[in-house]
């Protein structure tokens, strides 16, 4: 069997076998052992309580909140928005398997061709090597190497973090791409060139941005002549969105999971220097305000987040905004700040690893920070409007924290009393304001599984559809019963669209191997929707049990339905009310759906 006319089944099986699902999922989500399975936060909805199970023995995953499920291919398809062949390529690349396609594909981009994230990752990786080649060019890169050395970034660190140089030419990268046969359109889709076919990054120190698995997804560039913006990032592409990416996560992930703590800094060099001195659970927010998307990513790996921003006014305001984001995302958050006049990179160089870790250990919690901020605002601002804004900001943080479950009831009383004393309002008024804000926070909360755009599966209606589903459920749990099914019916007997697709895949798989496990069936299901449907059937089947009896009853109903179809008594597409009534009369069953569905 060929997958979309691209790969044969042997190749697909080889790639599936080489990629352990626990290892792959762990690159995106922190997993903890629970019984025989692994449990983690589902990345496919806004999960606050771990609801995704990963089964190492069966090589499958299933979220019991939003319904997402499947094998390693389906996970990568959903996580990285890839087609099935693209997911195969992605996982083959991960383990170093060289793929041979069944047919040659045109390498030139068609005008309306969908953007392929795999191709963007490859062109980004090529660009990263080009920038590095520029950096280590004897003459071209000398002044940049001198700058890097002046920042006390070692040559080993520069290579590990893939630092590079965008040359002082508007078409340096474009010309190199043309010489290599890289389509200009692909460069544009990757955000490397502008619509005018000029390089986006010119005369800049280049920071290579990777995802958690090490794919090059974008770049950050620092100006070397102080013209233009100090830093610019790659634009949003099919592969890169800075609001949902964190610099250094590839290098920091294991230590974050190990310690349970993620430290967030603002700048590229802050992050790089932290790792260079041995503090390897540090990531950077890509020079942007810390976002809800970044908070959700960290929540998958860390139990606690410590924000370490500059101590100047801009840094404090950035930290304040980031605190609000983390509290709303139900993250345990603390704040540390470097001494006045220094950024984290300078502090690391001057004070070293131990002092940096001490700074993190002494981080204050969000309430202490907000209380200090409120007190300072009330002391420094005599205007009624200014004092009111300071109080409202504090109450908003407390309200969101109460909604998120960060504040015990007894602490609420203490906080309300402190606020009452400092601003002169009655505690009843403060509580009423808090309750109003809590209701607003609950109403606007992003966590709502029902709104996660998970489409329900149309299993069809009527007794025949129920019987078709029953047969497939049993076969997914007890494939050896396929010998009985083969004597009674064929895949063509299934006329509900989703069940028809499942039957085609399942019958073909069991024809070849009657002992085929679920993962072998999933490896032939190309769509995410089909994978989810298979997982739901398999899960339902295990809960029901009583396989032989259920199969016998379902096959009886299905055969009767097929006979009636042949003589024109019932049509697949018509309403089955009359048919169900006739079955009821012939079987004497009060509930037609109970036929063979014990």
Protein backbone atom coordinates (compact mmCIF):
# COMPACT_ATOMS: atom_id res chain seq x y z
CA UNK A 1 0.00 0.00 0.00
CA UNK A 2 1.30 3.46 -0.89
CA UNK A 3 0.72 6.44 1.35
CA UNK A 4 -0.74 9.22 -0.81
CA UNK A 5 1.33 7.81 -3.64
CA UNK A 6 4.49 8.96 -1.85
CA UNK A 7 5.82 6.25 0.52
CA UNK A 8 5.29 2.50 0.66
CA UNK A 9 3.94 0.87 3.81
CA UNK A 10 7.27 -0.74 4.73
CA UNK A 11 8.87 2.70 4.89
CA UNK A 12 6.03 4.08 7.00
CA UNK A 13 6.31 1.15 9.43
CA UNK A 14 10.08 1.63 9.67
CA UNK A 15 9.66 5.30 10.58
CA UNK A 16 6.91 4.51 13.09
CA UNK A 17 9.00 1.80 14.78
CA UNK A 18 12.04 4.11 15.03
CA UNK A 19 10.12 6.91 16.78
CA UNK A 20 9.00 5.96 20.27
CA UNK A 21 5.83 7.91 21.00
CA UNK A 22 6.87 8.68 24.59
CA UNK A 23 10.13 10.24 23.37
CA UNK A 24 8.39 12.27 20.67
CA UNK A 25 5.58 13.55 22.90
CA UNK A 26 8.13 14.35 25.64
CA UNK A 27 9.78 16.79 23.26
CA UNK A 28 6.59 18.85 23.42
CA UNK A 29 5.03 18.00 26.80
CA UNK A 30 6.35 17.09 30.23
CA UNK A 31 5.12 13.55 30.99
CA UNK A 32 4.81 11.87 34.38
CA UNK A 33 4.37 8.15 34.95
CA UNK A 34 0.94 7.09 36.14
CA UNK A 35 0.50 3.32 36.42
CA UNK A 36 1.40 1.73 33.07
CA UNK A 37 0.91 4.97 31.16
CA UNK A 38 2.38 8.47 31.00
CA UNK A 39 0.28 11.54 31.76
CA UNK A 40 0.72 15.15 30.66
CA UNK A 41 -1.01 18.38 29.71
CA UNK A 42 -2.67 18.07 26.32
CA UNK A 43 -1.18 20.56 23.82
CA UNK A 44 -4.31 20.48 21.65
CA UNK A 45 -6.55 22.41 24.03
CA UNK A 46 -5.99 24.79 26.93
CA UNK A 47 -5.37 22.02 29.44
CA UNK A 48 -4.93 22.93 33.12
CA UNK A 49 -5.26 19.43 34.51
CA UNK A 50 -3.19 16.70 32.83
CA UNK A 51 -5.66 14.86 30.61
CA UNK A 52 -3.49 13.27 27.89
CA UNK A 53 -2.40 9.66 28.34
CA UNK A 54 0.50 8.17 26.38
CA UNK A 55 0.72 4.38 26.23
CA UNK A 56 4.26 3.16 25.54
CA UNK A 57 3.20 -0.47 25.05
CA UNK A 58 0.56 0.35 22.44
CA UNK A 59 2.44 3.41 21.05
CA UNK A 60 -0.69 5.58 21.15
CA UNK A 61 -1.88 8.76 22.85
CA UNK A 62 -5.35 9.89 23.89
CA UNK A 63 -6.71 13.05 25.48
CA UNK A 64 -9.82 12.33 27.50
CA UNK A 65 -10.83 15.99 27.60
CA UNK A 66 -10.78 17.09 23.97
CA UNK A 67 -10.74 13.69 22.22
CA UNK A 68 -7.42 14.07 20.37
CA UNK A 69 -5.71 10.75 19.85
CA UNK A 70 -3.73 8.47 17.57
CA UNK A 71 -0.20 7.25 16.98
CA UNK A 72 3.09 9.12 16.72
CA UNK A 73 2.24 10.32 13.20
CA UNK A 74 -1.07 11.83 14.30
CA UNK A 75 0.59 13.59 17.22
CA UNK A 76 3.15 15.25 14.95
CA UNK A 77 0.49 16.06 12.33
CA UNK A 78 -1.60 17.89 14.91
CA UNK A 79 1.27 19.46 16.85
CA UNK A 80 3.06 20.86 13.80
CA UNK A 81 0.12 21.23 11.41
CA UNK A 82 1.52 18.78 8.86
CA UNK A 83 0.03 16.44 6.27
CA UNK A 84 0.59 12.72 6.75
CA UNK A 85 3.50 12.51 4.24
CA UNK A 86 5.04 15.61 5.84
CA UNK A 87 4.81 13.96 9.28
CA UNK A 88 6.55 10.87 7.91
CA UNK A 89 9.33 13.07 6.54
CA UNK A 90 9.58 14.97 9.81
CA UNK A 91 9.92 11.83 11.92
CA UNK A 92 12.29 10.17 9.45
CA UNK A 93 14.54 13.22 9.66
CA UNK A 94 14.36 13.05 13.46
CA UNK A 95 15.91 9.58 13.57
CA UNK A 96 18.13 9.85 10.49
CA UNK A 97 16.18 7.58 8.15
CA UNK A 98 16.67 8.45 4.48
CA UNK A 99 13.38 8.24 2.65
CA UNK A 100 12.81 7.08 -0.90
CA UNK A 101 9.67 8.46 -2.48
CA UNK A 102 7.66 6.38 -4.90
CA UNK A 103 7.52 9.20 -7.37
CA UNK A 104 9.58 12.28 -8.01
CA UNK A 105 7.99 15.51 -6.87
CA UNK A 106 8.61 18.79 -8.63
CA UNK A 107 10.91 20.86 -6.43
CA UNK A 108 9.69 24.14 -7.88
CA UNK A 109 6.92 25.87 -6.02
CA UNK A 110 3.63 26.26 -7.86
CA UNK A 111 1.93 29.65 -7.55
CA UNK A 112 -0.89 28.44 -5.30
CA UNK A 113 0.95 25.60 -3.55
CA UNK A 114 0.32 25.26 0.17
CA UNK A 115 3.26 26.29 2.34
CA UNK A 116 5.08 23.19 3.59
CA UNK A 117 6.56 23.69 7.11
CA UNK A 118 9.12 20.95 6.41
CA UNK A 119 10.48 22.88 3.42
CA UNK A 120 10.60 26.06 5.48
CA UNK A 121 12.57 24.26 8.19
CA UNK A 122 15.04 23.00 5.61
CA UNK A 123 15.56 26.40 3.98
CA UNK A 124 15.95 27.96 7.45
CA UNK A 125 18.59 25.36 8.33
CA UNK A 126 20.41 26.17 5.09
CA UNK A 127 20.22 29.92 5.85
CA UNK A 128 21.57 29.33 9.37
CA UNK A 129 24.61 27.55 7.90
CA UNK A 130 25.07 30.40 5.40
CA UNK A 131 25.03 32.97 8.22
CA UNK A 132 27.54 30.88 10.17
CA UNK A 133 29.77 30.63 7.11
CA UNK A 134 29.74 34.43 6.91
CA UNK A 135 30.63 34.71 10.60
CA UNK A 136 33.66 32.47 10.27
CA UNK A 137 34.86 34.00 7.02
CA UNK A 138 38.39 35.27 7.79
CA UNK A 139 37.77 38.87 6.69
CA UNK A 140 34.00 39.24 6.38
CA UNK A 141 33.22 38.06 9.90
CA UNK A 142 36.17 39.36 11.90
CA UNK A 143 34.49 42.46 13.36
CA UNK A 144 31.47 40.39 14.42
CA UNK A 145 33.65 37.73 16.01
CA UNK A 146 35.40 40.55 17.88
CA UNK A 147 32.01 41.85 19.06
CA UNK A 148 30.98 38.37 20.25
CA UNK A 149 34.29 37.99 22.08
CA UNK A 150 33.81 41.41 23.69
CA UNK A 151 30.45 40.19 25.02
CA UNK A 152 32.48 37.29 26.52
CA UNK A 153 30.55 34.66 24.56
CA UNK A 154 32.98 31.81 23.97
CA UNK A 155 33.60 30.31 20.50
CA UNK A 156 32.12 27.01 21.74
CA UNK A 157 28.95 28.78 22.90
CA UNK A 158 28.67 30.71 19.62
CA UNK A 159 28.76 27.46 17.66
CA UNK A 160 26.35 25.65 20.00
CA UNK A 161 23.79 28.45 19.61
CA UNK A 162 24.41 28.75 15.86
CA UNK A 163 25.30 32.45 15.92
CA UNK A 164 25.86 33.92 12.47
CA UNK A 165 26.28 37.03 10.36
CA UNK A 166 23.95 38.60 7.82
CA UNK A 167 26.41 40.29 5.49
CA UNK A 168 26.46 43.99 4.61
CA UNK A 169 24.69 43.43 1.29
CA UNK A 170 20.98 43.59 0.38
CA UNK A 171 21.16 40.38 -1.68
CA UNK A 172 23.88 38.25 -0.07
CA UNK A 173 21.48 35.47 0.96
CA UNK A 174 19.38 35.79 -2.21
CA UNK A 175 22.43 35.32 -4.46
CA UNK A 176 23.66 32.33 -2.43
CA UNK A 177 20.20 30.75 -2.66
CA UNK A 178 20.07 31.25 -6.41
CA UNK A 179 23.46 29.53 -6.76
CA UNK A 180 22.09 26.56 -4.76
CA UNK A 181 18.82 26.39 -6.70
CA UNK A 182 16.70 27.44 -3.71
CA UNK A 183 13.42 29.02 -4.99
CA UNK A 184 13.10 32.71 -4.13
CA UNK A 185 9.44 32.10 -3.30
CA UNK A 186 10.50 29.65 -0.60
CA UNK A 187 12.85 32.26 0.90
CA UNK A 188 9.97 34.72 0.95
CA UNK A 189 7.65 32.20 2.63
CA UNK A 190 10.33 31.62 5.28
CA UNK A 191 10.57 35.36 5.93
CA UNK A 192 14.19 35.52 4.77
CA UNK A 193 13.62 37.90 1.86
CA UNK A 194 11.13 40.69 1.25
CA UNK A 195 8.59 40.90 -1.55
CA UNK A 196 11.16 43.04 -3.40
CA UNK A 197 13.58 40.06 -3.37
CA UNK A 198 15.93 41.80 -0.96
CA UNK A 199 17.39 40.14 2.13
CA UNK A 200 15.39 40.86 5.29
CA UNK A 201 18.50 40.68 7.47
CA UNK A 202 21.44 42.92 6.47
CA UNK A 203 24.55 43.69 8.54
CA UNK A 204 23.24 41.98 11.65
CA UNK A 205 24.45 39.48 14.22
CA UNK A 206 22.11 36.53 13.69
CA UNK A 207 20.52 34.46 16.46
CA UNK A 208 19.12 31.15 15.23
CA UNK A 209 15.73 30.33 16.77
CA UNK A 210 14.85 26.65 17.09
CA UNK A 211 11.79 24.84 18.37
CA UNK A 212 11.89 22.32 21.19
CA UNK A 213 12.94 19.56 18.78
CA UNK A 214 15.84 21.55 17.30
CA UNK A 215 14.25 22.59 14.01
CA UNK A 216 15.30 26.03 12.82
CA UNK A 217 12.04 27.98 12.78
CA UNK A 218 13.22 31.59 12.54
CA UNK A 219 15.90 34.18 13.28
CA UNK A 220 16.59 37.25 15.36
CA UNK A 221 19.02 39.87 14.09
CA UNK A 222 20.89 42.54 16.10
CA UNK A 223 22.05 45.61 14.25
CA UNK A 224 25.83 46.05 14.02
CA UNK A 225 25.89 49.71 13.04
CA UNK A 226 23.06 51.03 15.26
CA UNK A 227 20.89 51.83 12.22
CA UNK A 228 17.29 50.69 12.15
CA UNK A 229 15.70 48.71 14.97
CA UNK A 230 18.19 47.26 17.45
CA UNK A 231 16.59 43.81 17.07
CA UNK A 232 14.30 42.39 14.42
CA UNK A 233 12.79 38.91 14.26
CA UNK A 234 11.57 36.75 11.42
CA UNK A 235 7.96 37.58 10.51
CA UNK A 236 5.15 35.15 11.28
CA UNK A 237 5.32 32.17 8.91
CA UNK A 238 3.73 28.73 8.66
CA UNK A 239 6.58 27.61 10.94
CA UNK A 240 7.25 30.57 13.24
CA UNK A 241 5.16 32.74 15.51
CA UNK A 242 7.19 34.64 18.10
CA UNK A 243 4.23 34.87 20.47
CA UNK A 244 4.18 31.06 20.63
CA UNK A 245 7.95 30.44 20.66
CA UNK A 246 10.68 30.68 23.28
CA UNK A 247 14.38 31.16 22.58
CA UNK A 248 16.54 28.42 24.07
CA UNK A 249 13.77 25.93 24.86
CA UNK A 250 15.59 23.20 22.92
CA UNK A 251 18.61 23.55 25.27
CA UNK A 252 16.63 24.28 28.46
CA UNK A 253 13.82 21.74 28.30
CA UNK A 254 15.46 18.84 30.13
CA UNK A 255 16.68 20.97 33.02
CA UNK A 256 13.31 22.69 33.32
CA UNK A 257 11.58 19.32 33.61
CA UNK A 258 14.24 18.08 36.04
CA UNK A 259 14.06 21.10 38.37
CA UNK A 260 10.44 22.03 37.77
CA UNK A 261 11.55 25.66 37.36
CA UNK A 262 11.80 27.77 34.21
CA UNK A 263 13.61 31.11 34.31
CA UNK A 264 12.48 33.65 31.71
CA UNK A 265 14.75 36.51 30.62
CA UNK A 266 14.22 39.18 27.98
CA UNK A 267 17.22 39.01 25.66
CA UNK A 268 19.05 36.51 23.48
CA UNK A 269 22.44 37.18 25.09
CA UNK A 270 20.92 36.97 28.59
CA UNK A 271 19.74 33.46 27.77
CA UNK A 272 22.99 32.41 26.08
CA UNK A 273 25.17 33.67 28.93
CA UNK A 274 23.03 31.90 31.55
CA UNK A 275 23.60 28.59 29.76
CA UNK A 276 27.30 29.36 29.29
CA UNK A 277 27.83 29.70 33.07
CA UNK A 278 25.79 26.54 33.76
CA UNK A 279 22.26 27.81 34.47
CA UNK A 280 20.56 25.70 31.83
CA UNK A 281 16.88 26.12 32.70
CA UNK A 282 16.72 29.61 31.18
CA UNK A 283 14.70 30.71 28.13
CA UNK A 284 14.10 34.11 26.53
CA UNK A 285 10.86 35.76 25.41
CA UNK A 286 12.21 36.70 21.95
CA UNK A 287 12.39 40.41 22.69
CA UNK A 288 8.62 40.73 22.96
CA UNK A 289 6.19 41.04 25.83
CA UNK A 290 5.72 37.67 27.50
CA UNK A 291 2.59 36.18 25.97
CA UNK A 292 -0.15 33.76 26.95
CA UNK A 293 1.10 31.41 24.23
CA UNK A 294 4.59 31.36 25.74
CA UNK A 295 3.10 30.81 29.19
CA UNK A 296 1.12 27.81 27.93
CA UNK A 297 4.28 26.31 26.44
CA UNK A 298 6.20 26.63 29.71
CA UNK A 299 3.29 25.20 31.69
CA UNK A 300 3.85 21.90 29.89
CA UNK A 301 7.36 21.61 31.33
CA UNK A 302 7.61 23.72 34.48
CA UNK A 303 5.84 23.77 37.82
CA UNK A 304 7.10 27.26 38.56
CA UNK A 305 8.22 30.20 36.42
CA UNK A 306 10.65 32.89 37.61
CA UNK A 307 10.75 36.10 35.60
CA UNK A 308 14.13 37.82 35.57
CA UNK A 309 13.81 41.13 33.76
CA UNK A 310 15.94 44.27 33.77
CA UNK A 311 15.60 46.50 36.83
CA UNK A 312 14.96 49.69 34.84
CA UNK A 313 11.45 51.13 34.42
CA UNK A 314 10.86 49.35 31.10
CA UNK A 315 11.97 46.03 32.61
CA UNK A 316 9.70 46.42 35.63
CA UNK A 317 6.72 47.25 33.42
CA UNK A 318 7.50 44.24 31.21
CA UNK A 319 7.67 42.05 34.29
CA UNK A 320 4.37 43.45 35.54
CA UNK A 321 2.64 42.58 32.26
CA UNK A 322 4.22 39.11 32.27
CA UNK A 323 2.99 38.49 35.81
CA UNK A 324 -0.57 39.23 34.71
CA UNK A 325 -0.23 36.73 31.85
CA UNK A 326 1.12 33.98 34.10
CA UNK A 327 -1.51 34.49 36.79
CA UNK A 328 -4.29 34.30 34.18
CA UNK A 329 -2.74 31.08 32.87
CA UNK A 330 -2.73 29.57 36.38
CA UNK A 331 1.05 29.41 36.57
CA UNK A 332 2.98 29.56 39.85
CA UNK A 333 4.98 32.71 39.18
CA UNK A 334 7.72 34.65 40.98
CA UNK A 335 9.76 37.72 40.09
CA UNK A 336 13.47 38.40 40.45
CA UNK A 337 15.36 41.49 39.32
CA UNK A 338 19.03 42.21 38.79
CA UNK A 339 20.68 45.14 40.61
CA UNK A 340 20.04 48.63 39.23
CA UNK A 341 21.87 49.45 36.02
CA UNK A 342 22.61 45.87 34.94
CA UNK A 343 20.93 43.40 32.64
CA UNK A 344 21.03 39.64 33.37
CA UNK A 345 23.96 39.11 30.97
CA UNK A 346 26.09 41.76 32.72
CA UNK A 347 25.12 40.40 36.13
CA UNK A 348 26.09 36.85 35.14
CA UNK A 349 29.48 38.00 33.93
CA UNK A 350 30.13 40.08 37.04
CA UNK A 351 28.66 37.85 39.74
CA UNK A 352 28.72 34.31 38.33
CA UNK A 353 26.46 31.28 38.58
CA UNK A 354 26.03 31.12 42.39
CA UNK A 355 24.90 34.73 42.75
CA UNK A 356 22.56 34.29 39.81
CA UNK A 357 20.99 31.21 41.41
CA UNK A 358 20.72 33.10 44.72
CA UNK A 359 18.89 35.89 42.89
CA UNK A 360 16.42 33.32 41.53
CA UNK A 361 16.00 31.65 44.94
CA UNK A 362 15.12 35.02 46.49
CA UNK A 363 12.45 35.81 43.88
CA UNK A 364 9.31 37.33 45.39
CA UNK A 365 5.82 36.07 44.70
CA UNK A 366 3.30 37.95 42.62
CA UNK A 367 1.36 39.28 45.62
CA UNK A 368 4.41 40.76 47.33
CA UNK A 369 5.45 42.41 44.07
CA UNK A 370 1.96 43.80 43.49
CA UNK A 371 1.63 44.95 47.11
CA UNK A 372 4.96 46.81 46.93
CA UNK A 373 3.88 48.32 43.63
CA UNK A 374 0.58 49.44 45.14
CA UNK A 375 2.26 50.96 48.21
CA UNK A 376 4.81 52.83 46.09
CA UNK A 377 2.10 54.15 43.78
CA UNK A 378 -0.02 55.41 46.68
CA UNK A 379 3.01 57.09 48.27
CA UNK A 380 4.19 58.77 45.07
CA UNK A 381 0.89 59.74 43.46
CA UNK A 382 -1.38 62.19 45.27
CA UNK A 383 -4.00 62.34 42.51
CA UNK A 384 -7.29 60.55 42.98
CA UNK A 385 -7.12 59.08 39.46
CA UNK A 386 -3.59 57.73 39.94
CA UNK A 387 -4.39 56.16 43.30
CA UNK A 388 -7.58 54.62 41.90
CA UNK A 389 -5.68 53.06 38.97
CA UNK A 390 -3.10 51.58 41.36
CA UNK A 391 -5.83 50.02 43.51
CA UNK A 392 -7.71 48.67 40.48
CA UNK A 393 -4.56 47.03 39.12
CA UNK A 394 -3.94 45.34 42.48
CA UNK A 395 -7.54 44.17 42.86
CA UNK A 396 -7.51 42.79 39.31
CA UNK A 397 -4.46 40.64 40.07
CA UNK A 398 -6.03 39.36 43.29
CA UNK A 399 -9.33 38.61 41.52
CA UNK A 400 -7.67 36.63 38.70
CA UNK A 401 -5.53 34.80 41.28
CA UNK A 402 -8.62 33.89 43.28
CA UNK A 403 -10.31 32.60 40.13
CA UNK A 404 -7.20 30.61 39.22
CA UNK A 405 -7.06 29.01 42.68
CA UNK A 406 -3.79 30.64 43.75
CA UNK A 407 -5.22 32.30 46.88
CA UNK A 408 -6.59 30.28 49.84
CA UNK A 409 -9.79 31.64 51.42
CA UNK A 410 -8.00 32.66 54.63
CA UNK A 411 -5.44 34.66 52.65
CA UNK A 412 -8.23 36.48 50.86
CA UNK A 413 -9.48 37.81 54.18
CA UNK A 414 -6.02 39.02 55.17
CA UNK A 415 -5.49 40.71 51.80
CA UNK A 416 -8.87 42.44 51.93
CA UNK A 417 -8.16 43.74 55.45
CA UNK A 418 -4.74 45.10 54.37
CA UNK A 419 -6.27 46.84 51.35
CA UNK A 420 -9.09 48.20 53.51
CA UNK A 421 -6.61 49.82 55.91
CA UNK A 422 -4.36 51.30 53.26
CA UNK A 423 -7.06 52.82 51.03
CA UNK A 424 -9.79 53.46 53.61
CA UNK A 425 -12.54 51.43 51.93
CA UNK A 426 -14.88 49.12 53.82
CA UNK A 427 -14.00 45.39 53.43
CA UNK A 428 -17.53 44.68 52.14
CA UNK A 429 -16.99 47.11 49.27
CA UNK A 430 -13.65 45.52 48.45
CA UNK A 431 -15.13 42.01 48.50
CA UNK A 432 -17.99 43.12 46.25
CA UNK A 433 -15.49 44.56 43.76
CA UNK A 434 -13.41 41.37 43.91
CA UNK A 435 -16.46 39.17 43.30
CA UNK A 436 -17.41 41.25 40.27
CA UNK A 437 -13.90 40.89 38.84
CA UNK A 438 -13.78 37.15 39.59
CA UNK A 439 -17.01 36.63 37.63
CA UNK A 440 -15.54 38.61 34.74
CA UNK A 441 -12.35 36.53 34.84
CA UNK A 442 -14.35 33.29 34.79
CA UNK A 443 -16.48 34.54 31.91
CA UNK A 444 -13.52 35.50 29.75
CA UNK A 445 -11.32 32.56 30.74
CA UNK A 446 -9.76 30.78 27.80
CA UNK A 447 -10.12 27.35 29.36
CA UNK A 448 -13.27 25.79 27.93
CA UNK A 449 -12.96 22.42 26.27
CA UNK A 450 -16.31 22.87 24.56
CA UNK A 451 -14.89 25.84 22.66
CA UNK A 452 -11.70 24.17 21.48
CA UNK A 453 -13.09 23.59 18.00
CA UNK A 454 -13.04 19.82 18.38
CA UNK A 455 -15.48 18.57 15.76
CA UNK A 456 -17.81 15.78 16.82
CA UNK A 457 -17.68 12.61 14.75
CA UNK A 458 -20.71 11.72 12.65
CA UNK A 459 -21.17 8.00 13.32
CA UNK A 460 -24.40 7.80 11.33
CA UNK A 461 -27.89 7.02 12.60
CA UNK A 462 -30.02 3.95 12.93
CA UNK A 463 -29.52 0.29 13.74
CA UNK A 464 -27.32 -0.46 10.74
CA UNK A 465 -24.85 2.31 11.64
CA UNK A 466 -24.73 1.03 15.22
CA UNK A 467 -24.06 -2.52 13.97
CA UNK A 468 -21.30 -1.33 11.63
CA UNK A 469 -19.65 0.54 14.47
CA UNK A 470 -19.98 -2.48 16.74
CA UNK A 471 -18.17 -4.76 14.29
CA UNK A 472 -15.26 -2.33 13.98
CA UNK A 473 -15.04 -1.82 17.74
CA UNK A 474 -14.74 -5.56 18.30
CA UNK A 475 -12.11 -6.00 15.58
CA UNK A 476 -9.96 -3.22 17.04
CA UNK A 477 -9.91 -5.02 20.39
CA UNK A 478 -9.95 -8.64 19.17
CA UNK A 479 -8.45 -8.73 15.65
CA UNK A 480 -8.44 -12.54 15.60
CA UNK A 481 -12.25 -12.44 15.32
CA UNK A 482 -11.71 -11.12 11.80
CA UNK A 483 -11.90 -14.74 10.59
CA UNK A 484 -15.58 -14.77 11.60
CA UNK A 485 -16.25 -11.34 10.10
CA UNK A 486 -14.68 -12.34 6.76
CA UNK A 487 -17.21 -15.17 6.37
CA UNK A 488 -20.16 -12.87 7.01
CA UNK A 489 -19.42 -9.49 5.37
CA UNK A 490 -16.95 -7.28 3.51
CA UNK A 491 -15.64 -3.74 3.85
CA UNK A 492 -18.07 -2.65 1.13
CA UNK A 493 -20.99 -3.33 3.48
CA UNK A 494 -20.09 -0.27 5.55
CA UNK A 495 -21.89 2.78 4.17
CA UNK A 496 -21.48 5.43 6.91
CA UNK A 497 -18.64 7.63 5.57
CA UNK A 498 -16.34 7.52 8.62
CA UNK A 499 -17.03 3.82 9.22
CA UNK A 500 -16.44 3.10 5.53
CA UNK A 501 -12.95 4.65 5.78
CA UNK A 502 -12.15 2.74 8.96
CA UNK A 503 -13.41 -0.56 7.52
CA UNK A 504 -11.26 -0.15 4.39
CA UNK A 505 -8.11 0.42 6.45
CA UNK A 506 -8.91 -2.18 9.09
CA UNK A 507 -9.92 -4.97 6.68
CA UNK A 508 -6.83 -4.40 4.53
CA UNK A 509 -4.56 -4.47 7.60
CA UNK A 510 -6.10 -7.63 9.07
CA UNK A 511 -6.06 -9.37 5.69
CA UNK A 512 -2.28 -9.04 5.79
CA UNK A 513 -1.79 -9.67 9.52
CA UNK A 514 -4.62 -10.92 11.71
CA UNK A 515 -2.56 -10.09 14.81
CA UNK A 516 -1.91 -6.48 13.73
CA UNK A 517 -1.89 -4.08 16.73
CA UNK A 518 -3.78 -0.80 16.79
CA UNK A 519 -0.66 1.19 15.87
CA UNK A 520 -0.41 -0.75 12.59
CA UNK A 521 -3.94 0.31 11.70
CA UNK A 522 -3.24 3.91 12.70
CA UNK A 523 -0.15 3.94 10.46
CA UNK A 524 -2.46 3.51 7.45
CA UNK A 525 -4.92 6.18 8.54
CA UNK A 526 -3.66 9.36 6.92
CA UNK A 527 -6.02 11.96 8.38
CA UNK A 528 -6.04 13.23 11.94
CA UNK A 529 -9.85 12.87 12.02
CA UNK A 530 -9.63 9.19 11.04
CA UNK A 531 -7.01 8.59 13.72
CA UNK A 532 -9.23 10.21 16.36
CA UNK A 533 -12.20 8.10 15.25
CA UNK A 534 -10.14 4.91 15.47
CA UNK A 535 -9.00 5.83 18.98
CA UNK A 536 -12.56 6.50 20.10
CA UNK A 537 -13.77 3.15 18.76
CA UNK A 538 -10.89 1.28 20.38
CA UNK A 539 -11.45 3.01 23.72
CA UNK A 540 -15.20 2.31 23.68
CA UNK A 541 -14.61 -1.34 22.79
CA UNK A 542 -12.33 -1.92 25.78
CA UNK A 543 -14.95 -0.49 28.12
CA UNK A 544 -17.72 -2.74 26.76
CA UNK A 545 -15.98 -6.14 26.63
CA UNK A 546 -18.19 -9.19 25.83
CA UNK A 547 -16.68 -9.26 22.32
CA UNK A 548 -17.95 -12.54 20.80
CA UNK A 549 -21.58 -11.98 21.79
CA UNK A 550 -21.60 -8.38 20.58
CA UNK A 551 -20.02 -9.36 17.28
CA UNK A 552 -22.56 -12.11 16.63
CA UNK A 553 -25.51 -9.78 17.22
CA UNK A 554 -24.01 -6.95 15.15
CA UNK A 555 -23.26 -9.26 12.20
CA UNK A 556 -26.83 -10.60 12.30
CA UNK A 557 -28.23 -7.08 12.08
CA UNK A 558 -25.76 -6.07 9.38
CA UNK A 559 -26.55 -9.13 7.22
CA UNK A 560 -30.30 -8.53 7.56
CA UNK A 561 -29.78 -4.89 6.59
CA UNK A 562 -27.76 -5.90 3.52
CA UNK A 563 -30.48 -8.34 2.44
CA UNK A 564 -33.17 -5.71 2.82
CA UNK A 565 -31.11 -3.24 0.81
CA UNK A 566 -30.86 -5.68 -2.08
CA UNK A 567 -34.61 -6.08 -2.33
CA UNK A 568 -35.13 -2.35 -2.02
CA UNK A 569 -36.75 -2.38 1.41
CA UNK A 570 -34.27 0.15 2.75
CA UNK A 571 -31.82 2.59 1.16
CA UNK A 572 -28.60 3.72 2.79
CA UNK A 573 -29.31 7.42 2.50
CA UNK A 574 -32.98 7.43 3.51
CA UNK A 575 -34.44 7.90 6.94
CA UNK A 576 -34.46 4.46 8.63
CA UNK A 577 -37.51 4.86 10.84
CA UNK A 578 -39.59 2.37 8.83
CA UNK A 579 -36.71 -0.05 8.63
CA UNK A 580 -36.13 0.09 12.39
CA UNK A 581 -39.84 -0.52 12.96
CA UNK A 582 -39.76 -3.60 10.73
CA UNK A 583 -36.71 -4.94 12.55
CA UNK A 584 -38.53 -4.31 15.81
CA UNK A 585 -41.50 -6.35 14.57
CA UNK A 586 -39.35 -9.21 13.29
CA UNK A 587 -37.13 -9.47 16.37
CA UNK A 588 -39.66 -8.65 19.04
CA UNK A 589 -37.21 -6.18 20.57
CA UNK A 590 -38.66 -3.08 22.22
CA UNK A 591 -35.49 -1.06 21.54
CA UNK A 592 -34.16 -1.69 18.02
CA UNK A 593 -30.73 -0.45 19.10
CA UNK A 594 -30.42 -3.32 21.57
CA UNK A 595 -30.22 -5.95 18.82
CA UNK A 596 -26.85 -7.57 19.18
CA UNK A 597 -25.61 -4.68 21.29
CA UNK A 598 -25.41 -6.40 24.62
